[in-house]
């Protein structure tokens, strides 16, 4: 089998195509969850905690040059190493929400995939049943 035909057979298998579709949908879904966290959840959490902007919570690991705004983006642009713990909290919350949603989805898929117990076999014909009764009475 040539390399090209072997690769074609591999690439067209159902599992590979399912994986490709899953990755594409997962990337789009990840963007949705990211937007939910950054645009909906974190502003509410920041407001509840006293107008805190989590995207700009950081600890500079070196002195910030004078004239540089105290925002994460500006400090990073100035070349100052930072411990961006606010960004980490946002990403960790993003992960937790995504993991929870995936857990619920897998749980529902597994519930739907559960096979119903097989139906009991149909009753044997009457003549077979009579022959079995005769056999069982002769054994006694």
Protein backbone atom coordinates (compact mmCIF):
# COMPACT_ATOMS: atom_id res chain seq x y z
CA UNK A 1 0.00 0.00 0.00
CA UNK A 2 1.47 3.37 -0.96
CA UNK A 3 1.98 6.17 1.55
CA UNK A 4 -0.65 8.35 -0.16
CA UNK A 5 -3.37 5.70 -0.15
CA UNK A 6 -2.51 4.73 3.43
CA UNK A 7 -2.78 8.36 4.54
CA UNK A 8 -6.06 8.77 2.63
CA UNK A 9 -7.49 5.71 4.38
CA UNK A 10 -6.37 7.07 7.77
CA UNK A 11 -7.67 10.59 7.15
CA UNK A 12 -11.07 9.43 5.97
CA UNK A 13 -11.74 7.13 8.91
CA UNK A 14 -14.72 8.17 10.96
CA UNK A 15 -12.73 8.78 14.14
CA UNK A 16 -10.39 11.26 12.48
CA UNK A 17 -13.25 13.19 10.93
CA UNK A 18 -15.14 13.20 14.24
CA UNK A 19 -12.03 14.51 15.96
CA UNK A 20 -11.62 17.28 13.38
CA UNK A 21 -15.23 18.36 13.81
CA UNK A 22 -14.83 18.21 17.60
CA UNK A 23 -11.72 20.39 17.52
CA UNK A 24 -13.42 23.00 15.33
CA UNK A 25 -16.56 23.09 17.46
CA UNK A 26 -14.44 23.08 20.63
CA UNK A 27 -12.46 26.10 19.45
CA UNK A 28 -15.64 28.03 18.69
CA UNK A 29 -17.19 26.93 21.98
CA UNK A 30 -14.03 27.98 23.82
CA UNK A 31 -14.39 31.47 22.37
CA UNK A 32 -17.99 31.63 23.57
CA UNK A 33 -17.02 30.57 27.09
CA UNK A 34 -14.11 33.03 27.04
CA UNK A 35 -16.53 35.82 26.12
CA UNK A 36 -18.97 34.75 28.85
CA UNK A 37 -16.20 34.88 31.45
CA UNK A 38 -14.52 38.09 30.27
CA UNK A 39 -17.61 40.04 29.22
CA UNK A 40 -20.29 38.82 31.63
CA UNK A 41 -18.96 37.03 34.72
CA UNK A 42 -15.77 38.93 35.57
CA UNK A 43 -17.33 42.40 35.33
CA UNK A 44 -20.07 41.32 37.75
CA UNK A 45 -17.52 39.73 40.12
CA UNK A 46 -15.37 42.88 39.87
CA UNK A 47 -18.38 45.08 40.63
CA UNK A 48 -19.37 42.97 43.64
CA UNK A 49 -15.81 43.17 44.98
CA UNK A 50 -15.72 46.95 44.68
CA UNK A 51 -15.13 47.88 41.04
CA UNK A 52 -12.07 45.62 40.65
CA UNK A 53 -10.73 45.15 37.11
CA UNK A 54 -9.24 41.65 37.16
CA UNK A 55 -7.47 42.15 33.85
CA UNK A 56 -5.19 44.75 35.49
CA UNK A 57 -4.41 42.97 38.74
CA UNK A 58 -0.70 42.22 38.75
CA UNK A 59 2.46 42.51 40.79
CA UNK A 60 5.42 44.09 39.04
CA UNK A 61 8.57 42.07 39.60
CA UNK A 62 10.75 45.09 38.89
CA UNK A 63 10.33 48.82 39.32
CA UNK A 64 7.97 50.35 36.76
CA UNK A 65 9.65 53.18 34.83
CA UNK A 66 8.19 56.64 35.47
CA UNK A 67 5.49 57.73 33.04
CA UNK A 68 4.31 54.17 32.27
CA UNK A 69 0.57 53.72 32.95
CA UNK A 70 -0.30 51.19 35.66
CA UNK A 71 -2.03 48.79 33.29
CA UNK A 72 -0.90 45.25 32.58
CA UNK A 73 -0.54 45.88 28.86
CA UNK A 74 1.54 49.06 29.30
CA UNK A 75 3.78 47.54 31.96
CA UNK A 76 4.43 44.45 29.82
CA UNK A 77 5.11 46.68 26.81
CA UNK A 78 7.69 48.55 28.89
CA UNK A 79 9.51 45.25 29.42
CA UNK A 80 8.76 44.91 33.11
CA UNK A 81 8.24 41.30 34.23
CA UNK A 82 4.91 40.90 35.98
CA UNK A 83 3.06 38.35 38.06
CA UNK A 84 -0.36 38.72 36.37
CA UNK A 85 -2.51 37.01 38.97
CA UNK A 86 -5.74 38.74 37.88
CA UNK A 87 -5.36 37.31 34.38
CA UNK A 88 -4.69 33.90 35.92
CA UNK A 89 -7.90 34.08 37.99
CA UNK A 90 -9.86 34.95 34.84
CA UNK A 91 -8.35 32.05 32.87
CA UNK A 92 -8.85 29.62 35.78
CA UNK A 93 -12.52 30.63 36.00
CA UNK A 94 -12.79 30.22 32.23
CA UNK A 95 -11.38 26.70 32.55
CA UNK A 96 -13.71 25.79 35.43
CA UNK A 97 -16.79 26.90 33.49
CA UNK A 98 -15.64 25.10 30.33
CA UNK A 99 -14.86 21.91 32.29
CA UNK A 100 -18.27 22.03 33.98
CA UNK A 101 -20.08 22.47 30.65
CA UNK A 102 -18.11 19.61 29.07
CA UNK A 103 -18.88 17.43 32.11
CA UNK A 104 -22.60 18.12 31.75
CA UNK A 105 -22.48 17.46 27.99
CA UNK A 106 -20.63 14.13 28.41
CA UNK A 107 -23.00 13.11 31.19
CA UNK A 108 -26.02 13.80 28.96
CA UNK A 109 -24.47 12.03 25.98
CA UNK A 110 -23.73 8.98 28.13
CA UNK A 111 -27.30 9.04 29.43
CA UNK A 112 -28.62 9.07 25.87
CA UNK A 113 -26.23 6.31 24.79
CA UNK A 114 -27.31 3.92 27.54
CA UNK A 115 -28.74 0.92 25.87
CA UNK A 116 -32.13 -0.21 26.95
CA UNK A 117 -32.16 -3.76 28.28
CA UNK A 118 -32.73 -6.25 25.50
CA UNK A 119 -36.28 -7.44 25.05
CA UNK A 120 -36.93 -10.90 26.43
CA UNK A 121 -36.85 -13.60 23.76
CA UNK A 122 -40.22 -14.50 22.34
CA UNK A 123 -42.01 -17.46 23.92
CA UNK A 124 -41.26 -20.74 22.16
CA UNK A 125 -43.99 -22.24 20.00
CA UNK A 126 -46.58 -24.38 21.74
CA UNK A 127 -45.29 -27.67 20.32
CA UNK A 128 -41.76 -26.96 21.57
CA UNK A 129 -43.15 -26.10 25.00
CA UNK A 130 -45.09 -29.39 25.10
CA UNK A 131 -41.99 -31.36 24.09
CA UNK A 132 -39.99 -29.70 26.89
CA UNK A 133 -42.68 -30.56 29.43
CA UNK A 134 -42.65 -34.17 28.28
CA UNK A 135 -38.85 -34.27 28.51
CA UNK A 136 -38.87 -32.78 32.00
CA UNK A 137 -41.55 -35.23 33.23
CA UNK A 138 -39.56 -38.21 31.84
CA UNK A 139 -36.44 -37.08 33.72
CA UNK A 140 -38.32 -37.29 37.03
